[in-house]
N, C-alpha and C. Protein backbone atom coordinates (compact mmCIF):
# COMPACT_ATOMS: atom_id res chain seq x y z
N MET A 1 152.94 -3.57 98.46
CA MET A 1 151.66 -3.47 99.15
C MET A 1 151.23 -4.86 99.60
N ARG A 2 150.75 -4.97 100.83
CA ARG A 2 150.35 -6.24 101.41
C ARG A 2 148.91 -6.58 101.03
N ALA A 3 148.69 -7.80 100.61
CA ALA A 3 147.34 -8.24 100.23
C ALA A 3 146.58 -8.68 101.48
N LEU A 4 145.29 -8.40 101.49
CA LEU A 4 144.44 -8.83 102.59
C LEU A 4 143.44 -9.84 102.07
N ALA A 5 143.24 -10.88 102.85
CA ALA A 5 142.23 -11.87 102.52
C ALA A 5 140.98 -11.55 103.33
N ILE A 6 139.85 -11.47 102.69
CA ILE A 6 138.60 -11.20 103.40
C ILE A 6 137.91 -12.53 103.62
N GLN A 7 137.68 -12.83 104.89
CA GLN A 7 137.02 -14.07 105.27
C GLN A 7 135.84 -13.73 106.15
N THR A 8 134.95 -14.68 106.34
CA THR A 8 133.85 -14.45 107.26
C THR A 8 134.17 -15.12 108.58
N SER A 9 133.71 -14.51 109.64
CA SER A 9 133.88 -15.09 110.97
C SER A 9 132.81 -16.16 111.16
N PRO A 10 132.90 -16.94 112.25
CA PRO A 10 131.85 -17.94 112.51
C PRO A 10 130.48 -17.29 112.68
N PHE A 11 130.44 -15.97 112.90
CA PHE A 11 129.18 -15.28 113.09
C PHE A 11 128.70 -14.63 111.79
N GLY A 12 129.39 -14.89 110.68
CA GLY A 12 128.99 -14.38 109.39
C GLY A 12 129.47 -12.97 109.09
N GLU A 13 130.30 -12.41 109.95
CA GLU A 13 130.82 -11.07 109.73
C GLU A 13 132.06 -11.15 108.85
N TYR A 14 132.31 -10.09 108.09
CA TYR A 14 133.51 -10.05 107.27
C TYR A 14 134.69 -9.58 108.11
N VAL A 15 135.81 -10.27 107.97
CA VAL A 15 137.00 -9.98 108.76
C VAL A 15 138.19 -9.86 107.82
N ASP A 16 138.94 -8.75 107.92
CA ASP A 16 140.16 -8.59 107.14
C ASP A 16 141.30 -9.28 107.88
N ARG A 17 142.01 -10.16 107.20
CA ARG A 17 143.13 -10.86 107.81
C ARG A 17 144.34 -10.72 106.89
N PRO A 18 145.51 -10.50 107.48
CA PRO A 18 146.73 -10.45 106.67
C PRO A 18 146.94 -11.77 105.94
N GLU A 19 147.56 -11.69 104.81
CA GLU A 19 147.84 -12.89 104.02
C GLU A 19 148.61 -13.90 104.87
N GLY A 20 148.19 -15.13 104.88
CA GLY A 20 148.85 -16.18 105.65
C GLY A 20 148.32 -16.32 107.06
N ALA A 21 147.39 -15.45 107.48
CA ALA A 21 146.83 -15.54 108.82
C ALA A 21 145.94 -16.78 108.92
N VAL A 22 145.93 -17.37 110.08
CA VAL A 22 145.16 -18.57 110.32
C VAL A 22 143.90 -18.21 111.10
N LEU A 23 142.76 -18.68 110.64
CA LEU A 23 141.50 -18.46 111.32
C LEU A 23 141.36 -19.52 112.41
N MET A 24 141.22 -19.09 113.65
CA MET A 24 141.05 -20.02 114.75
C MET A 24 139.58 -20.11 115.08
N THR A 25 139.05 -21.32 115.12
CA THR A 25 137.64 -21.48 115.40
C THR A 25 137.39 -21.78 116.88
N GLU A 26 138.39 -22.28 117.58
CA GLU A 26 138.23 -22.60 118.98
C GLU A 26 139.35 -21.96 119.79
N LEU A 27 138.98 -21.36 120.89
CA LEU A 27 139.97 -20.76 121.77
C LEU A 27 140.21 -21.69 122.95
N ASP A 28 141.45 -21.86 123.30
CA ASP A 28 141.81 -22.66 124.46
C ASP A 28 141.83 -21.73 125.68
N PRO A 29 141.10 -22.06 126.75
CA PRO A 29 141.06 -21.18 127.92
C PRO A 29 142.44 -20.86 128.49
N LYS A 30 143.32 -21.84 128.49
CA LYS A 30 144.67 -21.62 129.02
C LYS A 30 145.42 -20.59 128.18
N ASP A 31 145.30 -20.67 126.86
CA ASP A 31 145.97 -19.71 125.99
C ASP A 31 145.40 -18.31 126.15
N VAL A 32 144.08 -18.22 126.31
CA VAL A 32 143.44 -16.92 126.48
C VAL A 32 143.91 -16.27 127.78
N LEU A 33 143.92 -17.03 128.87
CA LEU A 33 144.37 -16.49 130.15
C LEU A 33 145.85 -16.15 130.12
N THR A 34 146.67 -16.99 129.51
CA THR A 34 148.10 -16.71 129.40
C THR A 34 148.33 -15.41 128.65
N ASP A 35 147.58 -15.21 127.57
CA ASP A 35 147.70 -13.98 126.80
C ASP A 35 147.29 -12.76 127.64
N LEU A 36 146.20 -12.90 128.39
CA LEU A 36 145.74 -11.81 129.25
C LEU A 36 146.78 -11.48 130.32
N PHE A 37 147.30 -12.51 130.97
CA PHE A 37 148.25 -12.30 132.07
C PHE A 37 149.61 -11.81 131.57
N ASP A 38 149.87 -11.95 130.28
CA ASP A 38 151.14 -11.50 129.71
C ASP A 38 151.00 -10.14 129.03
N SER A 39 149.82 -9.53 129.16
CA SER A 39 149.59 -8.24 128.51
C SER A 39 150.09 -7.09 129.38
N ASP A 40 150.15 -5.90 128.79
CA ASP A 40 150.54 -4.71 129.54
C ASP A 40 149.51 -4.34 130.59
N ASP A 41 148.26 -4.76 130.37
CA ASP A 41 147.19 -4.44 131.32
C ASP A 41 147.34 -5.20 132.63
N LEU A 42 147.86 -6.40 132.56
CA LEU A 42 147.97 -7.26 133.74
C LEU A 42 149.24 -8.10 133.67
N PRO A 43 150.39 -7.47 133.76
CA PRO A 43 151.64 -8.23 133.63
C PRO A 43 151.94 -9.08 134.87
N LEU A 44 152.21 -10.33 134.65
CA LEU A 44 152.58 -11.25 135.73
C LEU A 44 153.92 -11.89 135.38
N PRO A 45 154.71 -12.25 136.39
CA PRO A 45 156.02 -12.83 136.11
C PRO A 45 155.96 -14.18 135.39
N ASN A 46 154.92 -14.99 135.66
CA ASN A 46 154.79 -16.30 135.02
C ASN A 46 153.33 -16.48 134.58
N PRO A 47 152.96 -15.90 133.43
CA PRO A 47 151.56 -15.93 133.00
C PRO A 47 151.01 -17.33 132.74
N LYS A 48 151.86 -18.23 132.27
CA LYS A 48 151.39 -19.60 131.99
C LYS A 48 151.02 -20.32 133.29
N ALA A 49 151.85 -20.17 134.32
CA ALA A 49 151.55 -20.80 135.61
C ALA A 49 150.30 -20.18 136.23
N ALA A 50 150.15 -18.87 136.10
CA ALA A 50 148.97 -18.19 136.63
C ALA A 50 147.70 -18.70 135.95
N ALA A 51 147.77 -18.91 134.64
CA ALA A 51 146.61 -19.43 133.90
C ALA A 51 146.25 -20.83 134.38
N GLU A 52 147.24 -21.66 134.60
CA GLU A 52 146.98 -23.02 135.09
C GLU A 52 146.33 -23.00 136.47
N ILE A 53 146.78 -22.11 137.33
CA ILE A 53 146.20 -21.99 138.68
C ILE A 53 144.75 -21.55 138.60
N VAL A 54 144.46 -20.54 137.78
CA VAL A 54 143.09 -20.03 137.65
C VAL A 54 142.18 -21.13 137.11
N ILE A 55 142.62 -21.83 136.09
CA ILE A 55 141.80 -22.90 135.51
C ILE A 55 141.55 -24.00 136.53
N GLN A 56 142.56 -24.39 137.28
CA GLN A 56 142.38 -25.44 138.29
C GLN A 56 141.42 -24.98 139.39
N ARG A 57 141.52 -23.74 139.80
CA ARG A 57 140.61 -23.21 140.83
C ARG A 57 139.18 -23.20 140.32
N LEU A 58 138.98 -22.84 139.06
CA LEU A 58 137.63 -22.85 138.49
C LEU A 58 137.08 -24.28 138.43
N ILE A 59 137.91 -25.23 138.04
CA ILE A 59 137.48 -26.64 138.00
C ILE A 59 137.14 -27.11 139.40
N ASP A 60 137.99 -26.77 140.37
CA ASP A 60 137.74 -27.16 141.77
C ASP A 60 136.43 -26.56 142.31
N ALA A 61 136.06 -25.39 141.80
CA ALA A 61 134.84 -24.72 142.23
C ALA A 61 133.61 -25.25 141.50
N GLY A 62 133.82 -26.19 140.57
CA GLY A 62 132.68 -26.81 139.91
C GLY A 62 132.40 -26.33 138.50
N PHE A 63 133.23 -25.44 137.99
CA PHE A 63 133.06 -24.98 136.62
C PHE A 63 133.60 -26.03 135.65
N GLU A 64 132.98 -26.11 134.50
CA GLU A 64 133.45 -27.03 133.46
C GLU A 64 134.28 -26.25 132.46
N ILE A 65 135.54 -26.61 132.34
CA ILE A 65 136.45 -25.98 131.40
C ILE A 65 136.76 -27.00 130.33
N LYS A 66 136.50 -26.63 129.08
CA LYS A 66 136.75 -27.56 127.97
C LYS A 66 138.09 -27.30 127.37
């Protein structure tokens, strides 16, 4: 039987995580977009390149991406 570690999220909610799971406190926009573009919902041939293009276009349009 697999043990679960119960941790709180940054919002104070309880979250079940598999043993050894890492809690991420900050999301990188490039990683989030790459994951989205590599999903079954929106499959692209090169999700990493697509993420870089989207981020650059947002920066060029005046958005601040951290």
